[in-house]
């Protein structure tokens, strides 16, 4: 899954959203 995120622009969006929600 990590490799998918690293190579996928969509993965970056999902990861960024998840990180944003986690920081709330």
Foldseek 3Di string as FASTA:
>chain_A
DVVCLVPDPVSVVVVVVVVVVVVD
